Amino acid sequence: MSQNNDYIVIKAMEDGVNVIGLTRGTDTRFHHSEKLDRDEMMIAQFTEHTSAVKIRGKAVIQTSHGEMSTDDGA
């Protein structure tokens, strides 16, 4: 089974940032969630079960495609 082994790094810039994993397949569903507090970091990987990650709150995200922020100014 083909899967992307890229990692993403998520750094919370405020308390209560939600990171939600979404399933792969015909029905996209939530399958995992984490809550990060300010300055906490999470390293995530796309797998055969995870096809997308949803992030709520102010965070900086680093991927192989560059760095981005959920805040409008970055």
Protein backbone atom coordinates (compact mmCIF):
# COMPACT_ATOMS: atom_id res chain seq x y z
CA MET A 1 0.00 0.00 0.00
CA SER A 2 1.39 3.41 -1.00
CA GLN A 3 1.76 6.09 1.62
CA ASN A 4 3.55 9.40 2.02
CA ASN A 5 6.20 9.27 4.76
CA ASP A 6 6.54 13.06 5.10
CA TYR A 7 6.41 14.51 8.58
CA ILE A 8 4.88 17.81 9.58
CA VAL A 9 5.78 19.80 12.69
CA ILE A 10 3.09 21.82 14.45
CA LYS A 11 4.01 24.40 17.10
CA ALA A 12 1.20 25.94 19.14
CA MET A 13 1.39 29.72 19.47
CA GLU A 14 -1.45 29.83 22.03
CA ASP A 15 -3.09 27.49 24.53
CA GLY A 16 -5.76 25.13 23.23
CA VAL A 17 -4.64 24.52 19.64
CA ASN A 18 -6.54 21.49 18.28
CA VAL A 19 -4.86 19.06 15.88
CA ILE A 20 -7.33 16.64 14.28
CA GLY A 21 -6.41 13.65 12.11
CA LEU A 22 -8.77 12.74 9.28
CA THR A 23 -9.14 9.26 7.80
CA ARG A 24 -8.36 8.11 4.29
CA GLY A 25 -11.01 6.49 2.11
CA THR A 26 -14.44 7.16 0.66
CA ASP A 27 -15.82 8.56 3.94
CA THR A 28 -13.52 11.12 5.55
CA ARG A 29 -13.90 10.98 9.33
CA PHE A 30 -12.13 12.30 12.41
CA HIS A 31 -10.01 9.55 13.95
CA HIS A 32 -7.67 11.30 16.38
CA SER A 33 -7.33 14.66 18.09
CA GLU A 34 -4.78 16.34 20.32
CA LYS A 35 -4.85 19.62 22.20
CA LEU A 36 -1.60 21.59 22.37
CA ASP A 37 -0.73 24.43 24.73
CA ARG A 38 1.46 27.41 23.87
CA ASP A 39 4.98 26.39 22.77
CA GLU A 40 4.11 22.68 22.67
CA MET A 41 5.07 20.90 19.46
CA MET A 42 3.72 17.86 17.72
CA ILE A 43 5.35 15.86 14.94
CA ALA A 44 2.81 14.11 12.72
CA GLN A 45 3.04 11.77 9.74
CA PHE A 46 0.58 10.89 7.02
CA THR A 47 -0.09 7.14 7.05
CA GLU A 48 -2.32 4.56 5.43
CA HIS A 49 -5.03 5.70 7.89
CA THR A 50 -4.41 9.47 7.97
CA SER A 51 -4.93 11.52 4.82
CA ALA A 52 -5.34 15.02 6.26
CA VAL A 53 -4.76 17.08 9.40
CA LYS A 54 -7.00 19.93 10.52
CA ILE A 55 -5.54 22.57 12.85
CA ARG A 56 -7.64 25.02 14.90
CA GLY A 57 -5.95 27.89 16.71
CA LYS A 58 -2.74 29.86 16.22
CA ALA A 59 0.08 27.58 15.16
CA VAL A 60 3.17 27.43 12.97
CA ILE A 61 3.35 24.41 10.66
CA GLN A 62 6.57 23.19 9.03
CA THR A 63 6.44 20.78 6.10
CA SER A 64 8.74 19.74 3.27
CA HIS A 65 6.89 22.43 1.26
CA GLY A 66 7.90 25.21 3.67
CA GLU A 67 6.63 26.93 6.80
CA MET A 68 3.18 28.41 7.21
CA SER A 69 1.08 29.87 9.97
CA THR A 70 -2.60 29.79 10.79
CA ASP A 71 -2.28 33.47 11.77
CA ASP A 72 -3.09 35.90 8.94
CA GLY A 73 0.09 37.96 9.37
CA ALA A 74 2.63 35.24 8.65
